[in-house]
């Protein structure tokens, strides 16, 4: 999960596939907005939350800056805009006669979409994107620049415990220079990571020493490098063994009881929503039942999560350097293919390639003999 504001974050981007290379543009991210670049399909993803209690101008001003920095790029925006408009299929009663603030938010959001020529991918006839105790409405937007196509846009009822319903779609980055379908990008295997604890290092050294002695150094350099790498990998596999690959298992604290409560809460919600047209005592009773079920469900989730973190904290008594220590010191390993968009001399990196190139220049600068120290000059003389 990528967020822009730590414990105050109200927006984020979740990467389900660990093989996707992603750069987080921290200079464009805030606690209400996260901007990331997906390398495989050359796509910038923007996730933003327009808090209803705040002036929408603040959020749109930041998005103006984001769109300016990403001018000419392929951009996909997923917004909780808390705004109604006929442009994204809101009912007239949601945007007419609702007061100055609702009208101002609608006009401002519509103006932003029109000013940047964005495509609205929300599909008419789908369930409302938001459904809470006080009703349903369309306040979540999927927007993009014209070089991006989103197909099969759907809203799924009951798939999320949030009042905001799950939205799915397939992204196709078209146009000249596009890299094809994001969904169809071929997964690449992560490099094997080998064990470094509880292994026989003496056996490893002896085995690799014997194999290196059999390398044919008369071959061309590419073949020598291939054989050299193969000798190291084969020796590590034989003597050290590979580490298990990390698995994404969702919420670690989730349990079957929460699954049952989620289903019963959704069932109570459907019953109440079905009776809203009738009104009367039956509708009020079903609404009260839904509120009770939802409160029970949320309390159970909070309890399960709290118990899980208590167990992590208690584990520090038995293993001082275990999960509790790593969580407290920030040493939990993130996805190896997610990097921060670095600040360069000419500005900030806006893509995975720019960020990686900037780091490479720092770690492996150009070989300039005119700037060599006496030690480096001696190395040049020995090499030539």
Protein backbone atom coordinates (compact mmCIF):
# COMPACT_ATOMS: atom_id res chain seq x y z
CA UNK A 1 0.00 0.00 0.00
CA UNK A 2 1.43 3.38 -1.05
CA UNK A 3 0.27 6.54 0.71
CA UNK A 4 1.46 10.10 0.79
CA UNK A 5 0.98 11.17 4.40
CA UNK A 6 1.82 8.31 6.76
CA UNK A 7 -0.65 8.00 9.64
CA UNK A 8 -2.59 11.04 8.35
CA UNK A 9 -3.02 9.64 4.83
CA UNK A 10 -6.52 9.70 3.37
CA UNK A 11 -5.62 8.41 -0.12
CA UNK A 12 -3.42 5.60 -1.40
CA UNK A 13 -2.49 3.24 -4.23
CA UNK A 14 -2.49 -0.52 -3.62
CA UNK A 15 -0.22 -2.71 -5.77
CA UNK A 16 -1.53 -6.26 -5.88
CA UNK A 17 1.18 -7.51 -8.25
CA UNK A 18 4.67 -7.42 -6.76
CA UNK A 19 6.33 -7.58 -10.20
CA UNK A 20 5.09 -4.11 -11.25
CA UNK A 21 7.80 -1.44 -11.20
CA UNK A 22 6.40 1.69 -9.56
CA UNK A 23 7.79 5.12 -8.69
CA UNK A 24 6.05 7.20 -6.01
CA UNK A 25 6.18 10.91 -6.84
CA UNK A 26 6.48 12.33 -3.32
CA UNK A 27 6.84 15.90 -4.58
CA UNK A 28 3.30 15.66 -6.03
CA UNK A 29 1.76 13.61 -3.19
CA UNK A 30 -0.02 14.87 -0.07
CA UNK A 31 -2.13 13.30 2.67
CA UNK A 32 -5.16 13.66 0.34
CA UNK A 33 -3.47 12.74 -2.96
CA UNK A 34 -0.99 10.08 -4.11
CA UNK A 35 0.74 10.12 -7.50
CA UNK A 36 2.61 7.07 -8.81
CA UNK A 37 4.10 5.97 -12.13
CA UNK A 38 3.62 2.38 -13.36
CA UNK A 39 6.55 1.50 -15.61
CA UNK A 40 5.09 -1.49 -17.51
CA UNK A 41 2.39 0.55 -19.27
CA UNK A 42 3.94 4.02 -18.79
CA UNK A 43 0.93 5.21 -16.80
CA UNK A 44 0.69 7.83 -14.05
CA UNK A 45 -1.96 6.95 -11.45
CA UNK A 46 -3.51 9.65 -9.24
CA UNK A 47 -5.61 8.70 -6.21
CA UNK A 48 -7.27 11.62 -4.41
CA UNK A 49 -9.85 12.27 -1.69
CA UNK A 50 -11.74 15.58 -1.71
CA UNK A 51 -12.85 15.90 1.90
CA UNK A 52 -16.36 17.34 1.98
CA UNK A 53 -15.65 19.49 5.03
CA UNK A 54 -12.88 21.31 3.12
CA UNK A 55 -13.05 23.78 0.25
CA UNK A 56 -12.80 21.87 -3.03
CA UNK A 57 -10.59 24.65 -4.42
CA UNK A 58 -7.73 23.43 -2.25
CA UNK A 59 -7.82 19.96 -3.78
CA UNK A 60 -8.39 21.16 -7.34
CA UNK A 61 -5.50 23.61 -7.02
CA UNK A 62 -3.20 20.71 -6.13
CA UNK A 63 -4.54 18.62 -9.02
CA UNK A 64 -3.87 21.56 -11.35
CA UNK A 65 -0.24 21.41 -10.25
CA UNK A 66 -0.15 17.63 -10.77
CA UNK A 67 -1.61 17.88 -14.27
CA UNK A 68 0.85 20.66 -15.10
CA UNK A 69 3.83 18.56 -14.01
CA UNK A 70 2.51 15.55 -15.97
CA UNK A 71 1.60 17.50 -19.10
CA UNK A 72 1.73 15.21 -22.13
CA UNK A 73 1.84 12.06 -19.99
CA UNK A 74 -0.74 9.27 -19.74
CA UNK A 75 -2.65 9.98 -16.53
CA UNK A 76 -5.43 8.03 -14.78
CA UNK A 77 -7.29 9.77 -11.93
CA UNK A 78 -9.41 7.91 -9.36
CA UNK A 79 -11.19 10.47 -7.19
CA UNK A 80 -13.56 10.50 -4.25
CA UNK A 81 -14.78 13.95 -5.26
CA UNK A 82 -17.76 14.21 -2.87
CA UNK A 83 -19.45 16.11 -5.70
CA UNK A 84 -22.59 15.45 -7.77
CA UNK A 85 -23.04 16.24 -11.45
CA UNK A 86 -25.01 14.99 -14.47
CA UNK A 87 -21.64 14.47 -16.18
CA UNK A 88 -21.07 11.37 -14.02
CA UNK A 89 -24.73 10.35 -13.93
CA UNK A 90 -25.85 11.77 -10.58
CA UNK A 91 -29.59 12.10 -10.07
CA UNK A 92 -30.95 15.68 -10.49
CA UNK A 93 -32.10 15.79 -6.87
CA UNK A 94 -28.46 15.44 -5.77
CA UNK A 95 -27.18 18.56 -7.56
CA UNK A 96 -30.21 20.89 -7.73
CA UNK A 97 -31.54 22.92 -4.84
CA UNK A 98 -28.77 21.75 -2.49
CA UNK A 99 -27.36 25.17 -1.66
CA UNK A 100 -24.39 27.28 -2.70
CA UNK A 101 -21.66 24.86 -1.55
CA UNK A 102 -23.02 21.92 -3.57
CA UNK A 103 -23.40 24.12 -6.65
CA UNK A 104 -19.90 25.56 -6.23
CA UNK A 105 -18.36 22.08 -5.92
CA UNK A 106 -20.22 20.89 -9.03
CA UNK A 107 -19.21 23.86 -11.17
CA UNK A 108 -15.59 23.71 -9.98
CA UNK A 109 -15.24 19.98 -10.66
CA UNK A 110 -16.90 20.21 -14.07
CA UNK A 111 -14.62 23.11 -14.95
CA UNK A 112 -11.52 21.12 -14.03
CA UNK A 113 -12.60 18.17 -16.20
CA UNK A 114 -13.37 20.43 -19.16
CA UNK A 115 -10.22 22.54 -18.82
CA UNK A 116 -7.95 19.51 -19.10
CA UNK A 117 -10.03 17.66 -21.68
CA UNK A 118 -10.37 14.63 -19.42
CA UNK A 119 -12.45 11.57 -20.25
CA UNK A 120 -15.04 10.45 -17.68
CA UNK A 121 -15.16 6.65 -17.60
CA UNK A 122 -18.14 6.31 -15.22
CA UNK A 123 -20.82 4.21 -16.97
CA UNK A 124 -24.51 5.06 -16.74
CA UNK A 125 -26.75 2.27 -15.45
CA UNK A 126 -24.23 0.88 -12.95
CA UNK A 127 -25.04 0.89 -9.20
CA UNK A 128 -24.21 4.10 -7.37
CA UNK A 129 -20.57 4.37 -6.32
CA UNK A 130 -21.56 5.33 -2.75
CA UNK A 131 -24.23 3.75 -0.59
CA UNK A 132 -24.63 4.70 3.06
CA UNK A 133 -27.35 4.87 5.71
CA UNK A 134 -28.53 8.22 4.33
CA UNK A 135 -28.83 7.11 0.72
CA UNK A 136 -26.94 6.37 -2.48
CA UNK A 137 -25.19 8.68 -4.95
CA UNK A 138 -22.41 8.92 -7.53
CA UNK A 139 -19.49 10.84 -6.03
CA UNK A 140 -16.51 8.71 -7.14
CA UNK A 141 -14.95 9.49 -10.52
CA UNK A 142 -12.64 7.63 -12.88
CA UNK A 143 -10.96 10.14 -15.20
CA UNK A 144 -8.07 9.99 -17.63
CA UNK A 145 -6.26 11.86 -20.35
CA UNK A 146 -7.27 11.00 -23.90
CA UNK A 147 -4.32 8.66 -24.46
CA UNK A 148 -5.69 6.23 -21.85
CA UNK A 149 -8.66 3.93 -22.34
CA UNK A 150 -10.56 2.25 -19.49
CA UNK A 151 -12.94 -0.54 -20.49
CA UNK A 152 -15.33 -2.85 -18.63
CA UNK A 153 -16.00 -0.22 -15.91
CA UNK A 154 -18.18 -1.79 -13.19
CA UNK A 155 -19.44 -1.05 -9.68
CA UNK A 156 -19.69 -4.10 -7.40
CA UNK A 157 -22.24 -4.07 -4.59
CA UNK A 158 -21.35 -5.88 -1.37
CA UNK A 159 -17.69 -6.43 -2.30
CA UNK A 160 -16.38 -3.83 0.15
CA UNK A 161 -17.01 -3.14 3.83
CA UNK A 162 -16.83 0.59 3.06
CA UNK A 163 -19.76 2.81 2.11
CA UNK A 164 -17.85 3.39 -1.12
CA UNK A 165 -18.40 0.44 -3.44
CA UNK A 166 -15.66 -1.41 -5.26
CA UNK A 167 -15.02 -0.12 -8.80
CA UNK A 168 -13.13 -2.27 -11.31
CA UNK A 169 -12.04 -1.63 -14.88
CA UNK A 170 -9.32 -2.62 -17.32
CA UNK A 171 -6.79 0.02 -18.35
CA UNK A 172 -5.37 0.16 -21.86
CA UNK A 173 -2.62 2.71 -22.45
CA UNK A 174 -3.01 3.48 -26.13
CA UNK A 175 -1.71 6.20 -28.39
CA UNK A 176 1.68 6.53 -29.98
CA UNK A 177 4.47 5.09 -27.90
CA UNK A 178 2.10 3.21 -25.61
CA UNK A 179 3.24 -0.02 -24.08
CA UNK A 180 -0.01 -1.87 -24.41
CA UNK A 181 -2.41 -3.34 -21.93
CA UNK A 182 -1.52 -2.90 -18.25
CA UNK A 183 -3.55 -5.94 -17.34
CA UNK A 184 -1.80 -7.99 -20.00
CA UNK A 185 1.74 -7.00 -19.04
CA UNK A 186 3.71 -10.18 -18.57
CA UNK A 187 4.72 -10.76 -14.95
CA UNK A 188 8.47 -10.95 -14.49
CA UNK A 189 10.04 -13.22 -11.92
CA UNK A 190 11.76 -11.53 -9.01
CA UNK A 191 15.44 -12.41 -8.46
CA UNK A 192 15.89 -15.36 -6.13
CA UNK A 193 16.92 -14.35 -2.61
CA UNK A 194 19.14 -16.86 -0.82
CA UNK A 195 19.34 -17.73 2.87
CA UNK A 196 22.17 -16.18 4.88
CA UNK A 197 21.50 -17.62 8.34
CA UNK A 198 22.14 -21.12 9.59
CA UNK A 199 24.07 -22.15 6.47
CA UNK A 200 27.45 -23.84 5.90
CA UNK A 201 29.62 -20.99 4.63
CA UNK A 202 32.73 -23.17 4.52
CA UNK A 203 31.03 -25.54 2.08
CA UNK A 204 29.87 -22.55 0.01
CA UNK A 205 33.41 -21.13 -0.24
CA UNK A 206 34.95 -24.48 -1.14
CA UNK A 207 32.32 -25.24 -3.80
CA UNK A 208 32.46 -21.85 -5.47
CA UNK A 209 36.28 -21.90 -5.40
CA UNK A 210 36.29 -25.22 -7.23
CA UNK A 211 33.78 -24.04 -9.84
CA UNK A 212 35.57 -20.76 -10.50
CA UNK A 213 38.75 -22.69 -11.19
CA UNK A 214 37.00 -24.45 -14.07
CA UNK A 215 35.91 -21.26 -15.90
CA UNK A 216 37.30 -20.86 -19.42
CA UNK A 217 38.61 -17.28 -19.44
CA UNK A 218 39.57 -17.53 -23.10
CA UNK A 219 35.91 -17.18 -24.14
CA UNK A 220 34.43 -13.79 -25.11
CA UNK A 221 33.47 -11.56 -22.17
CA UNK A 222 29.66 -12.12 -22.45
CA UNK A 223 30.13 -15.90 -22.23
CA UNK A 224 32.54 -15.60 -19.29
CA UNK A 225 30.02 -13.36 -17.45
CA UNK A 226 27.23 -15.86 -18.15
CA UNK A 227 29.29 -18.81 -16.82
CA UNK A 228 30.47 -16.75 -13.83
CA UNK A 229 26.88 -15.83 -12.87
CA UNK A 230 25.66 -19.38 -13.38
CA UNK A 231 28.42 -20.73 -11.10
CA UNK A 232 27.45 -18.35 -8.29
CA UNK A 233 23.70 -19.00 -8.60
CA UNK A 234 24.11 -22.78 -8.80
CA UNK A 235 26.44 -22.80 -5.80
CA UNK A 236 24.08 -20.62 -3.75
CA UNK A 237 21.12 -22.83 -4.65
CA UNK A 238 23.04 -25.97 -3.65
CA UNK A 239 24.71 -24.71 -0.47
CA UNK A 240 22.48 -21.93 0.86
CA UNK A 241 18.96 -22.56 -0.40
CA UNK A 242 16.40 -20.00 -1.54
CA UNK A 243 14.25 -17.90 0.77
CA UNK A 244 10.50 -18.27 0.53
CA UNK A 245 8.76 -15.63 -1.58
CA UNK A 246 6.49 -13.18 0.29
CA UNK A 247 2.77 -13.65 -0.13
CA UNK A 248 0.02 -11.06 -0.11
CA UNK A 249 -2.63 -12.46 2.22
CA UNK A 250 -4.81 -9.38 2.69
CA UNK A 251 -5.51 -8.31 6.27
CA UNK A 252 -3.47 -10.54 8.58
CA UNK A 253 -6.04 -10.10 11.33
CA UNK A 254 -9.04 -11.17 9.21
CA UNK A 255 -10.92 -14.28 10.36
CA UNK A 256 -13.96 -16.39 9.34
CA UNK A 257 -16.16 -14.71 11.96
CA UNK A 258 -15.61 -11.33 10.30
CA UNK A 259 -16.60 -12.88 6.97
CA UNK A 260 -19.92 -13.96 8.49
CA UNK A 261 -20.53 -10.52 10.00
CA UNK A 262 -19.72 -8.82 6.69
CA UNK A 263 -22.27 -10.98 4.86
CA UNK A 264 -24.96 -10.45 7.49
CA UNK A 265 -24.34 -6.69 7.47
CA UNK A 266 -24.64 -6.54 3.68
CA UNK A 267 -27.81 -8.62 3.87
CA UNK A 268 -29.31 -6.18 6.40
CA UNK A 269 -28.31 -3.28 4.15
CA UNK A 270 -30.04 -4.82 1.11
CA UNK A 271 -33.23 -5.44 3.09
CA UNK A 272 -33.35 -1.87 4.33
CA UNK A 273 -32.59 -0.37 0.90
CA UNK A 274 -35.30 -2.53 -0.66
CA UNK A 275 -37.86 -1.21 1.82
CA UNK A 276 -36.97 2.48 1.45
CA UNK A 277 -39.54 3.07 -1.28
CA UNK A 278 -42.31 1.72 0.96
CA UNK A 279 -41.33 3.81 3.97
CA UNK A 280 -43.25 3.51 7.21
CA UNK A 281 -42.49 1.49 10.32
CA UNK A 282 -41.06 -1.49 8.40
CA UNK A 283 -38.44 0.69 6.71
CA UNK A 284 -37.51 2.31 10.04
CA UNK A 285 -37.17 -1.09 11.70
CA UNK A 286 -34.93 -2.48 8.93
CA UNK A 287 -32.83 0.65 9.06
CA UNK A 288 -32.33 0.22 12.80
CA UNK A 289 -31.37 -3.45 12.25
CA UNK A 290 -28.80 -2.41 9.65
CA UNK A 291 -27.27 0.18 11.99
CA UNK A 292 -26.99 -2.43 14.76
CA UNK A 293 -25.42 -4.99 12.40
CA UNK A 294 -22.96 -2.44 11.03
CA UNK A 295 -21.93 -1.30 14.51
CA UNK A 296 -21.39 -4.93 15.56
CA UNK A 297 -19.33 -5.58 12.42
CA UNK A 298 -17.12 -2.52 12.88
CA UNK A 299 -16.55 -3.28 16.55
CA UNK A 300 -15.53 -6.84 15.68
CA UNK A 301 -13.06 -5.57 13.06
CA UNK A 302 -11.52 -3.12 15.53
CA UNK A 303 -11.23 -5.87 18.14
CA UNK A 304 -9.60 -8.35 15.74
CA UNK A 305 -7.11 -5.75 14.52
CA UNK A 306 -6.26 -4.65 18.08
CA UNK A 307 -5.74 -8.24 19.20
CA UNK A 308 -3.45 -8.91 16.24
CA UNK A 309 -1.20 -5.94 17.04
CA UNK A 310 -1.19 -6.87 20.72
CA UNK A 311 0.17 -10.29 19.76
CA UNK A 312 2.89 -8.60 17.70
CA UNK A 313 3.85 -6.42 20.67
CA UNK A 314 3.84 -9.39 23.05
CA UNK A 315 6.05 -11.37 20.65
CA UNK A 316 8.86 -8.95 21.50
CA UNK A 317 9.16 -10.60 24.92
CA UNK A 318 10.11 -13.92 23.28
CA UNK A 319 11.96 -12.59 20.21
CA UNK A 320 13.43 -9.10 20.80
CA UNK A 321 14.62 -8.82 17.18
CA UNK A 322 11.49 -10.21 15.57
CA UNK A 323 8.44 -8.64 13.94
CA UNK A 324 7.77 -6.20 16.80
CA UNK A 325 11.29 -4.74 16.52
CA UNK A 326 11.18 -4.50 12.72
CA UNK A 327 7.75 -2.83 12.79
CA UNK A 328 8.84 -0.29 15.42
CA UNK A 329 12.14 0.53 13.66
CA UNK A 330 10.62 0.76 10.18
CA UNK A 331 12.69 -2.16 8.89
CA UNK A 332 9.84 -4.10 7.31
CA UNK A 333 10.83 -4.84 3.73
CA UNK A 334 8.70 -3.04 1.10
CA UNK A 335 8.11 -4.30 -2.40
CA UNK A 336 11.52 -4.38 -4.15
CA UNK A 337 10.05 -2.79 -7.29
CA UNK A 338 8.65 0.37 -5.63
CA UNK A 339 10.99 3.36 -5.50
CA UNK A 340 10.58 7.02 -4.61
CA UNK A 341 10.68 9.64 -7.34
CA UNK A 342 14.00 11.30 -6.48
CA UNK A 343 14.92 14.98 -6.66
CA UNK A 344 17.44 15.61 -9.43
CA UNK A 345 19.52 18.70 -10.26
CA UNK A 346 17.10 19.61 -13.05
CA UNK A 347 13.95 18.86 -11.01
CA UNK A 348 12.02 15.85 -9.77
CA UNK A 349 11.86 12.47 -11.49
CA UNK A 350 8.38 11.74 -12.86
CA UNK A 351 8.86 8.14 -14.05
CA UNK A 352 10.45 4.91 -12.87
CA UNK A 353 13.13 5.28 -15.55
CA UNK A 354 14.01 8.85 -14.51
CA UNK A 355 14.27 7.87 -10.83
CA UNK A 356 16.39 4.78 -11.57
CA UNK A 357 18.66 6.74 -13.92
CA UNK A 358 19.19 9.44 -11.29
CA UNK A 359 20.19 6.87 -8.68
CA UNK A 360 22.47 5.12 -11.17
CA UNK A 361 24.26 8.38 -11.98
CA UNK A 362 24.98 8.93 -8.29
CA UNK A 363 26.09 5.36 -7.56
CA UNK A 364 27.96 4.86 -10.86
CA UNK A 365 29.09 8.29 -12.15
CA UNK A 366 30.65 8.73 -15.57
CA UNK A 367 34.34 7.80 -15.75
CA UNK A 368 36.06 11.15 -16.32
CA UNK A 369 39.91 10.76 -16.28
CA UNK A 370 40.33 14.53 -15.91
CA UNK A 371 38.73 14.37 -12.46
CA UNK A 372 40.65 11.33 -11.23
CA UNK A 373 42.51 11.36 -7.93
CA UNK A 374 46.13 10.07 -7.87
CA UNK A 375 44.78 6.73 -6.66
CA UNK A 376 42.38 6.47 -9.60
CA UNK A 377 45.12 7.50 -12.06
CA UNK A 378 47.25 4.64 -10.79
CA UNK A 379 44.33 2.29 -11.43
CA UNK A 380 44.02 3.57 -15.02
CA UNK A 381 47.74 2.99 -15.60
CA UNK A 382 47.54 -0.59 -14.31
CA UNK A 383 44.46 -1.30 -16.44
CA UNK A 384 45.99 -0.06 -19.68
